Amino acid sequence: MSTPIRFHLDESMPTGVAYGLRKRDRDCTISKEVSLVSATDQEQLAYATLDKRVLISRDQDFLVLASQSNDHAGIIHWRQKTHFGQLVKDIDALTIDKAAEDLAGQVYFL
C-alpha cells in the first residue's frame, strides 16, 4: 500500500501555496503552525524528514543540504519562475500519481 504524499512549506514560501494545496485535499504544514518560525534550515529539514513530509522551499540552502545526504522525504525547490498558483498546479501534476516513497531522497525543481 502506498503512502500519501504530505508537504511542509518553510518560511520562504507564500502561505497561498499551502492554501492551494489544501484546497486540493493535500496534507500540508507551514512553519508557523508547527513552531518552526526562525528555525534553521537543518531544523526545517529534520522536521519534514521525521514527519515524512516533502519540503517545499525557494531557499537554495536546501539544495546544499540535499547534496550532502539523500536521507529526506523529498525536496521541491521553487525557482520562482512562475506565479505560486502555477506552482500549486505543478506540484499537483508532479505528485498526483506518486506515493511518498517515490519522492524520498529526490530533489525536484519547479
PDB file of N, CA and C in Angstrom:
ATOM      1  N   MET A   1       0.841  -1.188   0.000  1.00  0.00           N
ATOM      2  CA  MET A   1       0.000   0.000   0.000  1.00  0.00           C
ATOM      3  C   MET A   1       0.881   1.245   0.000  1.00  0.00           C
ATOM      4  N   SER A   2       0.573   2.186  -0.864  1.00  0.00           N
ATOM      5  CA  SER A   2       1.397   3.386  -0.969  1.00  0.00           C
ATOM      6  C   SER A   2       0.957   4.438   0.054  1.00  0.00           C
ATOM      7  N   THR A   3       1.932   5.221   0.470  1.00  0.00           N
ATOM      8  CA  THR A   3       1.701   6.265   1.459  1.00  0.00           C
ATOM      9  C   THR A   3       1.403   7.581   0.753  1.00  0.00           C
ATOM     10  N   PRO A   4       0.347   8.294   1.160  1.00  0.00           N
ATOM     11  CA  PRO A   4       0.054   9.597   0.537  1.00  0.00           C
ATOM     12  C   PRO A   4       1.188  10.590   0.786  1.00  0.00           C
ATOM     13  N   ILE A   5       1.392  11.458  -0.166  1.00  0.00           N
ATOM     14  CA  ILE A   5       2.427  12.481  -0.044  1.00  0.00           C
ATOM     15  C   ILE A   5       1.905  13.620   0.827  1.00  0.00           C
ATOM     16  N   ARG A   6       2.742  13.997   1.783  1.00  0.00           N
ATOM     17  CA  ARG A   6       2.428  15.128   2.665  1.00  0.00           C
ATOM     18  C   ARG A   6       3.527  16.166   2.470  1.00  0.00           C
ATOM     19  N   PHE A   7       3.199  17.415   2.708  1.00  0.00           N
ATOM     20  CA  PHE A   7       4.121  18.509   2.420  1.00  0.00           C
ATOM     21  C   PHE A   7       4.376  19.384   3.640  1.00  0.00           C
ATOM     22  N   HIS A   8       5.544  20.029   3.625  1.00  0.00           N
ATOM     23  CA  HIS A   8       5.866  21.070   4.611  1.00  0.00           C
ATOM     24  C   HIS A   8       6.491  22.240   3.859  1.00  0.00           C
ATOM     25  N   LEU A   9       5.963  23.440   4.102  1.00  0.00           N
ATOM     26  CA  LEU A   9       6.498  24.653   3.488  1.00  0.00           C
ATOM     27  C   LEU A   9       7.293  25.432   4.531  1.00  0.00           C
ATOM     28  N   ASP A  10       8.515  25.791   4.171  1.00  0.00           N
ATOM     29  CA  ASP A  10       9.304  26.603   5.090  1.00  0.00           C
ATOM     30  C   ASP A  10       8.845  28.058   5.000  1.00  0.00           C
ATOM     31  N   GLU A  11       9.467  28.904   5.791  1.00  0.00           N
ATOM     32  CA  GLU A  11       9.055  30.315   5.883  1.00  0.00           C
ATOM     33  C   GLU A  11       9.218  31.099   4.591  1.00  0.00           C
ATOM     34  N   SER A  12      10.053  30.624   3.680  1.00  0.00           N
ATOM     35  CA  SER A  12      10.287  31.370   2.447  1.00  0.00           C
ATOM     36  C   SER A  12       9.111  31.275   1.471  1.00  0.00           C
ATOM     37  N   MET A  13       8.192  30.367   1.744  1.00  0.00           N
ATOM     38  CA  MET A  13       7.090  30.119   0.810  1.00  0.00           C
ATOM     39  C   MET A  13       5.852  30.939   1.148  1.00  0.00           C
ATOM     40  N   PRO A  14       5.177  31.450   0.120  1.00  0.00           N
ATOM     41  CA  PRO A  14       3.916  32.160   0.348  1.00  0.00           C
ATOM     42  C   PRO A  14       2.859  31.210   0.931  1.00  0.00           C
ATOM     43  N   THR A  15       2.104  31.682   1.898  1.00  0.00           N
ATOM     44  CA  THR A  15       1.077  30.831   2.504  1.00  0.00           C
ATOM     45  C   THR A  15      -0.004  30.451   1.495  1.00  0.00           C
ATOM     46  N   GLY A  16      -0.108  31.198   0.403  1.00  0.00           N
ATOM     47  CA  GLY A  16      -1.057  30.858  -0.647  1.00  0.00           C
ATOM     48  C   GLY A  16      -0.782  29.495  -1.262  1.00  0.00           C
ATOM     49  N   VAL A  17       0.465  29.049  -1.224  1.00  0.00           N
ATOM     50  CA  VAL A  17       0.803  27.721  -1.736  1.00  0.00           C
ATOM     51  C   VAL A  17       0.159  26.662  -0.834  1.00  0.00           C
ATOM     52  N   ALA A  18       0.266  26.853   0.465  1.00  0.00           N
ATOM     53  CA  ALA A  18      -0.368  25.913   1.398  1.00  0.00           C
ATOM     54  C   ALA A  18      -1.881  25.915   1.202  1.00  0.00           C
ATOM     55  N   TYR A  19      -2.450  27.085   1.055  1.00  0.00           N
ATOM     56  CA  TYR A  19      -3.893  27.189   0.824  1.00  0.00           C
ATOM     57  C   TYR A  19      -4.287  26.425  -0.442  1.00  0.00           C
ATOM     58  N   GLY A  20      -3.529  26.603  -1.505  1.00  0.00           N
ATOM     59  CA  GLY A  20      -3.819  25.930  -2.770  1.00  0.00           C
ATOM     60  C   GLY A  20      -3.703  24.421  -2.669  1.00  0.00           C
ATOM     61  N   LEU A  21      -2.681  23.950  -1.950  1.00  0.00           N
ATOM     62  CA  LEU A  21      -2.522  22.507  -1.779  1.00  0.00           C
ATOM     63  C   LEU A  21      -3.659  21.934  -0.932  1.00  0.00           C
ATOM     64  N   ARG A  22      -4.006  22.649   0.113  1.00  0.00           N
ATOM     65  CA  ARG A  22      -5.101  22.186   0.979  1.00  0.00           C
ATOM     66  C   ARG A  22      -6.437  22.189   0.236  1.00  0.00           C
ATOM     67  N   LYS A  23      -6.623  23.138  -0.646  1.00  0.00           N
ATOM     68  CA  LYS A  23      -7.842  23.187  -1.449  1.00  0.00           C
ATOM     69  C   LYS A  23      -7.944  21.933  -2.328  1.00  0.00           C
ATOM     70  N   ARG A  24      -6.801  21.346  -2.635  1.00  0.00           N
ATOM     71  CA  ARG A  24      -6.748  20.109  -3.419  1.00  0.00           C
ATOM     72  C   ARG A  24      -6.674  18.873  -2.516  1.00  0.00           C
ATOM     73  N   ASP A  25      -7.041  19.073  -1.254  1.00  0.00           N
ATOM     74  CA  ASP A  25      -7.051  17.995  -0.253  1.00  0.00           C
ATOM     75  C   ASP A  25      -5.684  17.390   0.010  1.00  0.00           C
ATOM     76  N   ARG A  26      -4.654  18.212  -0.062  1.00  0.00           N
ATOM     77  CA  ARG A  26      -3.296  17.758   0.246  1.00  0.00           C
ATOM     78  C   ARG A  26      -2.949  18.137   1.683  1.00  0.00           C
ATOM     79  N   ASP A  27      -2.312  17.232   2.388  1.00  0.00           N
ATOM     80  CA  ASP A  27      -1.863  17.451   3.758  1.00  0.00           C
ATOM     81  C   ASP A  27      -0.620  18.335   3.707  1.00  0.00           C
ATOM     82  N   CYS A  28      -0.686  19.487   4.335  1.00  0.00           N
ATOM     83  CA  CYS A  28       0.377  20.473   4.211  1.00  0.00           C
ATOM     84  C   CYS A  28       0.527  21.254   5.509  1.00  0.00           C
ATOM     85  N   THR A  29       1.759  21.392   5.991  1.00  0.00           N
ATOM     86  CA  THR A  29       2.030  22.242   7.148  1.00  0.00           C
ATOM     87  C   THR A  29       2.884  23.428   6.701  1.00  0.00           C
ATOM     88  N   ILE A  30       2.842  24.479   7.494  1.00  0.00           N
ATOM     89  CA  ILE A  30       3.730  25.625   7.300  1.00  0.00           C
ATOM     90  C   ILE A  30       4.492  25.839   8.612  1.00  0.00           C
ATOM     91  N   SER A  31       5.610  26.501   8.523  1.00  0.00           N
ATOM     92  CA  SER A  31       6.486  26.679   9.682  1.00  0.00           C
ATOM     93  C   SER A  31       5.761  27.252  10.892  1.00  0.00           C
ATOM     94  N   LYS A  32       4.924  28.240  10.678  1.00  0.00           N
ATOM     95  CA  LYS A  32       4.224  28.895  11.788  1.00  0.00           C
ATOM     96  C   LYS A  32       3.346  27.916  12.564  1.00  0.00           C
ATOM     97  N   GLU A  33       2.728  26.985  11.865  1.00  0.00           N
ATOM     98  CA  GLU A  33       1.808  26.037  12.507  1.00  0.00           C
ATOM     99  C   GLU A  33       2.518  24.981  13.354  1.00  0.00           C
ATOM    100  N   VAL A  34       3.776  24.730  13.053  1.00  0.00           N
ATOM    101  CA  VAL A  34       4.500  23.673  13.759  1.00  0.00           C
ATOM    102  C   VAL A  34       5.677  24.233  14.568  1.00  0.00           C
ATOM    103  N   SER A  35       5.561  25.498  14.955  1.00  0.00           N
ATOM    104  CA  SER A  35       6.548  26.175  15.813  1.00  0.00           C
ATOM    105  C   SER A  35       7.961  26.145  15.246  1.00  0.00           C
ATOM    106  N   LEU A  36       8.081  26.381  13.934  1.00  0.00           N
ATOM    107  CA  LEU A  36       9.399  26.431  13.308  1.00  0.00           C
ATOM    108  C   LEU A  36       9.729  27.812  12.734  1.00  0.00           C
ATOM    109  N   VAL A  37       9.047  28.842  13.212  1.00  0.00           N
ATOM    110  CA  VAL A  37       9.378  30.200  12.772  1.00  0.00           C
ATOM    111  C   VAL A  37      10.796  30.510  13.251  1.00  0.00           C
ATOM    112  N   SER A  38      11.617  30.993  12.361  1.00  0.00           N
ATOM    113  CA  SER A  38      13.034  31.314  12.610  1.00  0.00           C
ATOM    114  C   SER A  38      13.894  30.077  12.855  1.00  0.00           C
ATOM    115  N   ALA A  39      13.390  28.899  12.549  1.00  0.00           N
ATOM    116  CA  ALA A  39      14.199  27.683  12.687  1.00  0.00           C
ATOM    117  C   ALA A  39      15.268  27.661  11.602  1.00  0.00           C
ATOM    118  N   THR A  40      16.344  26.945  11.863  1.00  0.00           N
ATOM    119  CA  THR A  40      17.401  26.809  10.861  1.00  0.00           C
ATOM    120  C   THR A  40      16.919  25.901   9.733  1.00  0.00           C
ATOM    121  N   ASP A  41      17.630  25.934   8.638  1.00  0.00           N
ATOM    122  CA  ASP A  41      17.302  25.050   7.519  1.00  0.00           C
ATOM    123  C   ASP A  41      17.411  23.588   7.946  1.00  0.00           C
ATOM    124  N   GLN A  42      18.413  23.279   8.743  1.00  0.00           N
ATOM    125  CA  GLN A  42      18.581  21.914   9.230  1.00  0.00           C
ATOM    126  C   GLN A  42      17.385  21.482  10.075  1.00  0.00           C
ATOM    127  N   GLU A  43      16.862  22.389  10.903  1.00  0.00           N
ATOM    128  CA  GLU A  43      15.692  22.069  11.729  1.00  0.00           C
ATOM    129  C   GLU A  43      14.443  21.881  10.870  1.00  0.00           C
ATOM    130  N   GLN A  44      14.289  22.725   9.859  1.00  0.00           N
ATOM    131  CA  GLN A  44      13.146  22.585   8.950  1.00  0.00           C
ATOM    132  C   GLN A  44      13.197  21.220   8.253  1.00  0.00           C
ATOM    133  N   LEU A  45      14.363  20.875   7.733  1.00  0.00           N
ATOM    134  CA  LEU A  45      14.504  19.615   7.013  1.00  0.00           C
ATOM    135  C   LEU A  45      14.358  18.423   7.965  1.00  0.00           C
ATOM    136  N   ALA A  46      14.870  18.549   9.168  1.00  0.00           N
ATOM    137  CA  ALA A  46      14.728  17.468  10.155  1.00  0.00           C
ATOM    138  C   ALA A  46      13.258  17.228  10.486  1.00  0.00           C
ATOM    139  N   TYR A  47      12.502  18.315  10.673  1.00  0.00           N
ATOM    140  CA  TYR A  47      11.067  18.159  10.931  1.00  0.00           C
ATOM    141  C   TYR A  47      10.384  17.446   9.764  1.00  0.00           C
ATOM    142  N   ALA A  48      10.637  17.927   8.558  1.00  0.00           N
ATOM    143  CA  ALA A  48       9.998  17.340   7.382  1.00  0.00           C
ATOM    144  C   ALA A  48      10.380  15.869   7.232  1.00  0.00           C
ATOM    145  N   THR A  49      11.630  15.561   7.476  1.00  0.00           N
ATOM    146  CA  THR A  49      12.097  14.177   7.350  1.00  0.00           C
ATOM    147  C   THR A  49      11.446  13.292   8.406  1.00  0.00           C
ATOM    148  N   LEU A  50      11.465  13.734   9.647  1.00  0.00           N
ATOM    149  CA  LEU A  50      10.895  12.948  10.740  1.00  0.00           C
ATOM    150  C   LEU A  50       9.394  12.716  10.549  1.00  0.00           C
ATOM    151  N   ASP A  51       8.699  13.741  10.040  1.00  0.00           N
ATOM    152  CA  ASP A  51       7.251  13.642   9.845  1.00  0.00           C
ATOM    153  C   ASP A  51       6.901  13.128   8.438  1.00  0.00           C
ATOM    154  N   LYS A  52       7.921  12.713   7.697  1.00  0.00           N
ATOM    155  CA  LYS A  52       7.740  12.153   6.345  1.00  0.00           C
ATOM    156  C   LYS A  52       6.973  13.115   5.432  1.00  0.00           C
ATOM    157  N   ARG A  53       7.459  14.343   5.377  1.00  0.00           N
ATOM    158  CA  ARG A  53       6.862  15.377   4.541  1.00  0.00           C
ATOM    159  C   ARG A  53       7.864  15.869   3.503  1.00  0.00           C
ATOM    160  N   VAL A  54       7.403  16.063   2.300  1.00  0.00           N
ATOM    161  CA  VAL A  54       8.224  16.659   1.256  1.00  0.00           C
ATOM    162  C   VAL A  54       8.357  18.142   1.579  1.00  0.00           C
ATOM    163  N   LEU A  55       9.585  18.620   1.662  1.00  0.00           N
ATOM    164  CA  LEU A  55       9.838  20.023   1.977  1.00  0.00           C
ATOM    165  C   LEU A  55       9.737  20.852   0.708  1.00  0.00           C
ATOM    166  N   ILE A  56       9.001  21.950   0.778  1.00  0.00           N
ATOM    167  CA  ILE A  56       8.885  22.873  -0.353  1.00  0.00           C
ATOM    168  C   ILE A  56       9.492  24.200   0.076  1.00  0.00           C
ATOM    169  N   SER A  57      10.425  24.691  -0.730  1.00  0.00           N
ATOM    170  CA  SER A  57      11.126  25.921  -0.380  1.00  0.00           C
ATOM    171  C   SER A  57      11.653  26.608  -1.634  1.00  0.00           C
ATOM    172  N   ARG A  58      11.968  27.875  -1.502  1.00  0.00           N
ATOM    173  CA  ARG A  58      12.692  28.566  -2.565  1.00  0.00           C
ATOM    174  C   ARG A  58      14.103  28.904  -2.101  1.00  0.00           C
ATOM    175  N   ASP A  59      14.442  28.434  -0.912  1.00  0.00           N
ATOM    176  CA  ASP A  59      15.749  28.659  -0.293  1.00  0.00           C
ATOM    177  C   ASP A  59      16.773  27.681  -0.875  1.00  0.00           C
ATOM    178  N   GLN A  60      17.791  28.203  -1.517  1.00  0.00           N
ATOM    179  CA  GLN A  60      18.799  27.353  -2.163  1.00  0.00           C
ATOM    180  C   GLN A  60      19.666  26.586  -1.169  1.00  0.00           C
ATOM    181  N   ASP A  61      19.650  26.985   0.092  1.00  0.00           N
ATOM    182  CA  ASP A  61      20.436  26.260   1.088  1.00  0.00           C
ATOM    183  C   ASP A  61      19.990  24.805   1.209  1.00  0.00           C
ATOM    184  N   PHE A  62      18.730  24.532   0.909  1.00  0.00           N
ATOM    185  CA  PHE A  62      18.251  23.150   0.972  1.00  0.00           C
ATOM    186  C   PHE A  62      18.881  22.286  -0.123  1.00  0.00           C
ATOM    187  N   LEU A  63      19.281  22.918  -1.205  1.00  0.00           N
ATOM    188  CA  LEU A  63      19.962  22.173  -2.267  1.00  0.00           C
ATOM    189  C   LEU A  63      21.332  21.711  -1.783  1.00  0.00           C
ATOM    190  N   VAL A  64      21.984  22.538  -0.991  1.00  0.00           N
ATOM    191  CA  VAL A  64      23.280  22.159  -0.406  1.00  0.00           C
ATOM    192  C   VAL A  64      23.074  20.996   0.564  1.00  0.00           C
ATOM    193  N   LEU A  65      22.057  21.103   1.423  1.00  0.00           N
ATOM    194  CA  LEU A  65      21.776  20.023   2.364  1.00  0.00           C
ATOM    195  C   LEU A  65      21.450  18.726   1.627  1.00  0.00           C
ATOM    196  N   ALA A  66      20.690  18.832   0.558  1.00  0.00           N
ATOM    197  CA  ALA A  66      20.312  17.645  -0.222  1.00  0.00           C
ATOM    198  C   ALA A  66      21.531  17.019  -0.888  1.00  0.00           C
ATOM    199  N   SER A  67      22.518  17.836  -1.241  1.00  0.00           N
ATOM    200  CA  SER A  67      23.725  17.289  -1.866  1.00  0.00           C
ATOM    201  C   SER A  67      24.591  16.543  -0.856  1.00  0.00           C
ATOM    202  N   GLN A  68      24.368  16.805   0.420  1.00  0.00           N
ATOM    203  CA  GLN A  68      25.146  16.154   1.473  1.00  0.00           C
ATOM    204  C   GLN A  68      24.522  14.843   1.937  1.00  0.00           C
ATOM    205  N   SER A  69      23.212  14.707   1.725  1.00  0.00           N
ATOM    206  CA  SER A  69      22.527  13.489   2.150  1.00  0.00           C
ATOM    207  C   SER A  69      21.185  13.379   1.438  1.00  0.00           C
ATOM    208  N   ASN A  70      20.827  12.175   1.059  1.00  0.00           N
ATOM    209  CA  ASN A  70      19.510  11.977   0.456  1.00  0.00           C
ATOM    210  C   ASN A  70      18.544  11.349   1.463  1.00  0.00           C
ATOM    211  N   ASP A  71      18.870  11.480   2.734  1.00  0.00           N
ATOM    212  CA  ASP A  71      18.028  10.969   3.813  1.00  0.00           C
ATOM    213  C   ASP A  71      16.970  12.014   4.175  1.00  0.00           C
ATOM    214  N   HIS A  72      16.012  12.174   3.277  1.00  0.00           N
ATOM    215  CA  HIS A  72      14.902  13.096   3.498  1.00  0.00           C
ATOM    216  C   HIS A  72      13.706  12.582   2.701  1.00  0.00           C
ATOM    217  N   ALA A  73      12.548  13.149   2.960  1.00  0.00           N
ATOM    218  CA  ALA A  73      11.309  12.682   2.314  1.00  0.00           C
ATOM    219  C   ALA A  73      11.117  13.273   0.922  1.00  0.00           C
ATOM    220  N   GLY A  74      12.034  14.110   0.503  1.00  0.00           N
ATOM    221  CA  GLY A  74      11.948  14.775  -0.787  1.00  0.00           C
ATOM    222  C   GLY A  74      11.969  16.278  -0.616  1.00  0.00           C
ATOM    223  N   ILE A  75      12.469  16.954  -1.621  1.00  0.00           N
ATOM    224  CA  ILE A  75      12.539  18.423  -1.607  1.00  0.00           C
ATOM    225  C   ILE A  75      12.037  18.936  -2.950  1.00  0.00           C
ATOM    226  N   ILE A  76      11.153  19.901  -2.890  1.00  0.00           N
ATOM    227  CA  ILE A  76      10.727  20.618  -4.092  1.00  0.00           C
ATOM    228  C   ILE A  76      11.269  22.029  -3.967  1.00  0.00           C
ATOM    229  N   HIS A  77      12.107  22.397  -4.925  1.00  0.00           N
ATOM    230  CA  HIS A  77      12.687  23.745  -4.931  1.00  0.00           C
ATOM    231  C   HIS A  77      11.942  24.597  -5.954  1.00  0.00           C
ATOM    232  N   TRP A  78      11.340  25.660  -5.462  1.00  0.00           N
ATOM    233  CA  TRP A  78      10.604  26.579  -6.333  1.00  0.00           C
ATOM    234  C   TRP A  78      11.581  27.622  -6.858  1.00  0.00           C
ATOM    235  N   ARG A  79      11.763  27.653  -8.159  1.00  0.00           N
ATOM    236  CA  ARG A  79      12.702  28.587  -8.778  1.00  0.00           C
ATOM    237  C   ARG A  79      12.094  29.961  -9.016  1.00  0.00           C
ATOM    238  N   GLN A  80      10.840  30.142  -8.634  1.00  0.00           N
ATOM    239  CA  GLN A  80      10.138  31.426  -8.711  1.00  0.00           C
ATOM    240  C   GLN A  80       9.995  31.945 -10.133  1.00  0.00           C
ATOM    241  N   LYS A  81       9.968  31.048 -11.094  1.00  0.00           N
ATOM    242  CA  LYS A  81       9.794  31.481 -12.482  1.00  0.00           C
ATOM    243  C   LYS A  81       8.324  31.522 -12.870  1.00  0.00           C
ATOM    244  N   THR A  82       7.477  31.048 -11.962  1.00  0.00           N
ATOM    245  CA  THR A  82       6.035  31.071 -12.190  1.00  0.00           C
ATOM    246  C   THR A  82       5.349  31.638 -10.964  1.00  0.00           C
ATOM    247  N   HIS A  83       4.108  32.053 -11.136  1.00  0.00           N
ATOM    248  CA  HIS A  83       3.285  32.512 -10.025  1.00  0.00           C
ATOM    249  C   HIS A  83       3.025  31.333  -9.096  1.00  0.00           C
ATOM    250  N   PHE A  84       2.816  31.589  -7.810  1.00  0.00           N
ATOM    251  CA  PHE A  84       2.650  30.467  -6.889  1.00  0.00           C
ATOM    252  C   PHE A  84       1.400  29.649  -7.177  1.00  0.00           C
ATOM    253  N   GLY A  85       0.407  30.235  -7.835  1.00  0.00           N
ATOM    254  CA  GLY A  85      -0.763  29.456  -8.249  1.00  0.00           C
ATOM    255  C   GLY A  85      -0.377  28.385  -9.253  1.00  0.00           C
ATOM    256  N   GLN A  86       0.531  28.722 -10.161  1.00  0.00           N
ATOM    257  CA  GLN A  86       1.035  27.732 -11.118  1.00  0.00           C
ATOM    258  C   GLN A  86       1.882  26.692 -10.404  1.00  0.00           C
ATOM    259  N   LEU A  87       2.619  27.120  -9.390  1.00  0.00           N
ATOM    260  CA  LEU A  87       3.413  26.176  -8.608  1.00  0.00           C
ATOM    261  C   LEU A  87       2.522  25.106  -7.999  1.00  0.00           C
ATOM    262  N   VAL A  88       1.395  25.493  -7.442  1.00  0.00           N
ATOM    263  CA  VAL A  88       0.463  24.525  -6.849  1.00  0.00           C
ATOM    264  C   VAL A  88       0.019  23.516  -7.913  1.00  0.00           C
ATOM    265  N   LYS A  89      -0.313  24.002  -9.095  1.00  0.00           N
ATOM    266  CA  LYS A  89      -0.710  23.102 -10.189  1.00  0.00           C
ATOM    267  C   LYS A  89       0.436  22.174 -10.572  1.00  0.00           C
ATOM    268  N   ASP A  90       1.655  22.712 -10.606  1.00  0.00           N
ATOM    269  CA  ASP A  90       2.815  21.907 -10.971  1.00  0.00           C
ATOM    270  C   ASP A  90       3.112  20.834  -9.913  1.00  0.00           C
ATOM    271  N   ILE A  91       2.966  21.183  -8.640  1.00  0.00           N
ATOM    272  CA  ILE A  91       3.159  20.210  -7.557  1.00  0.00           C
ATOM    273  C   ILE A  91       2.118  19.111  -7.677  1.00  0.00           C
ATOM    274  N   ASP A  92       0.884  19.512  -7.921  1.00  0.00           N
ATOM    275  CA  ASP A  92      -0.192  18.540  -8.072  1.00  0.00           C
ATOM    276  C   ASP A  92       0.094  17.597  -9.242  1.00  0.00           C
ATOM    277  N   ALA A  93       0.521  18.148 -10.369  1.00  0.00           N
ATOM    278  CA  ALA A  93       0.815  17.331 -11.548  1.00  0.00           C
ATOM    279  C   ALA A  93       1.993  16.385 -11.283  1.00  0.00           C
ATOM    280  N   LEU A  94       3.007  16.866 -10.584  1.00  0.00           N
ATOM    281  CA  LEU A  94       4.191  16.057 -10.284  1.00  0.00           C
ATOM    282  C   LEU A  94       3.859  14.894  -9.367  1.00  0.00           C
ATOM    283  N   THR A  95       2.969  15.115  -8.423  1.00  0.00           N
ATOM    284  CA  THR A  95       2.767  14.134  -7.355  1.00  0.00           C
ATOM    285  C   THR A  95       1.465  13.350  -7.437  1.00  0.00           C
ATOM    286  N   ILE A  96       0.584  13.672  -8.357  1.00  0.00           N
ATOM    287  CA  ILE A  96      -0.748  13.075  -8.379  1.00  0.00           C
ATOM    288  C   ILE A  96      -0.722  11.548  -8.477  1.00  0.00           C
ATOM    289  N   ASP A  97       0.183  10.982  -9.237  1.00  0.00           N
ATOM    290  CA  ASP A  97       0.238   9.533  -9.418  1.00  0.00           C
ATOM    291  C   ASP A  97       1.407   8.893  -8.686  1.00  0.00           C
ATOM    292  N   LYS A  98       1.943   9.591  -7.699  1.00  0.00           N
ATOM    293  CA  LYS A  98       3.089   9.082  -6.966  1.00  0.00           C
ATOM    294  C   LYS A  98       2.726   8.841  -5.504  1.00  0.00           C
ATOM    295  N   ALA A  99       3.526   8.021  -4.862  1.00  0.00           N
ATOM    296  CA  ALA A  99       3.420   7.787  -3.423  1.00  0.00           C
ATOM    297  C   ALA A  99       4.600   8.480  -2.744  1.00  0.00           C
ATOM    298  N   ALA A 100       4.499   8.651  -1.445  1.00  0.00           N
ATOM    299  CA  ALA A 100       5.569   9.304  -0.694  1.00  0.00           C
ATOM    300  C   ALA A 100       6.916   8.614  -0.941  1.00  0.00           C
ATOM    301  N   GLU A 101       6.887   7.303  -1.064  1.00  0.00           N
ATOM    302  CA  GLU A 101       8.121   6.547  -1.275  1.00  0.00           C
ATOM    303  C   GLU A 101       8.819   6.931  -2.583  1.00  0.00           C
ATOM    304  N   ASP A 102       8.057   7.360  -3.563  1.00  0.00           N
ATOM    305  CA  ASP A 102       8.623   7.746  -4.860  1.00  0.00           C
ATOM    306  C   ASP A 102       9.440   9.032  -4.783  1.00  0.00           C
ATOM    307  N   LEU A 103       9.114   9.908  -3.840  1.00  0.00           N
ATOM    308  CA  LEU A 103       9.786  11.197  -3.746  1.00  0.00           C
ATOM    309  C   LEU A 103      10.948  11.188  -2.748  1.00  0.00           C
ATOM    310  N   ALA A 104      11.002  10.187  -1.894  1.00  0.00           N
ATOM    311  CA  ALA A 104      12.030  10.137  -0.844  1.00  0.00           C
ATOM    312  C   ALA A 104      13.424  10.233  -1.448  1.00  0.00           C
ATOM    313  N   GLY A 105      14.214  11.144  -0.883  1.00  0.00           N
ATOM    314  CA  GLY A 105      15.597  11.330  -1.308  1.00  0.00           C
ATOM    315  C   GLY A 105      15.790  12.082  -2.607  1.00  0.00           C
ATOM    316  N   GLN A 106      14.702  12.519  -3.224  1.00  0.00           N
ATOM    317  CA  GLN A 106      14.757  13.202  -4.528  1.00  0.00           C
ATOM    318  C   GLN A 106      14.631  14.714  -4.353  1.00  0.00           C
ATOM    319  N   VAL A 107      15.161  15.447  -5.327  1.00  0.00           N
ATOM    320  CA  VAL A 107      15.007  16.903  -5.395  1.00  0.00           C
ATOM    321  C   VAL A 107      14.356  17.230  -6.720  1.00  0.00           C
ATOM    322  N   TYR A 108      13.318  18.035  -6.675  1.00  0.00           N
ATOM    323  CA  TYR A 108      12.585  18.459  -7.870  1.00  0.00           C
ATOM    324  C   TYR A 108      12.644  19.968  -7.972  1.00  0.00           C
ATOM    325  N   PHE A 109      12.811  20.446  -9.193  1.00  0.00           N
ATOM    326  CA  PHE A 109      12.879  21.884  -9.458  1.00  0.00           C
ATOM    327  C   PHE A 109      11.627  22.302 -10.213  1.00  0.00           C
ATOM    328  N   LEU A 110      10.844  23.190  -9.636  1.00  0.00           N
ATOM    329  CA  LEU A 110       9.624  23.686 -10.279  1.00  0.00           C
ATOM    330  C   LEU A 110       9.671  25.211 -10.356  1.00  0.00           C
TER     331      LEU A 110
END
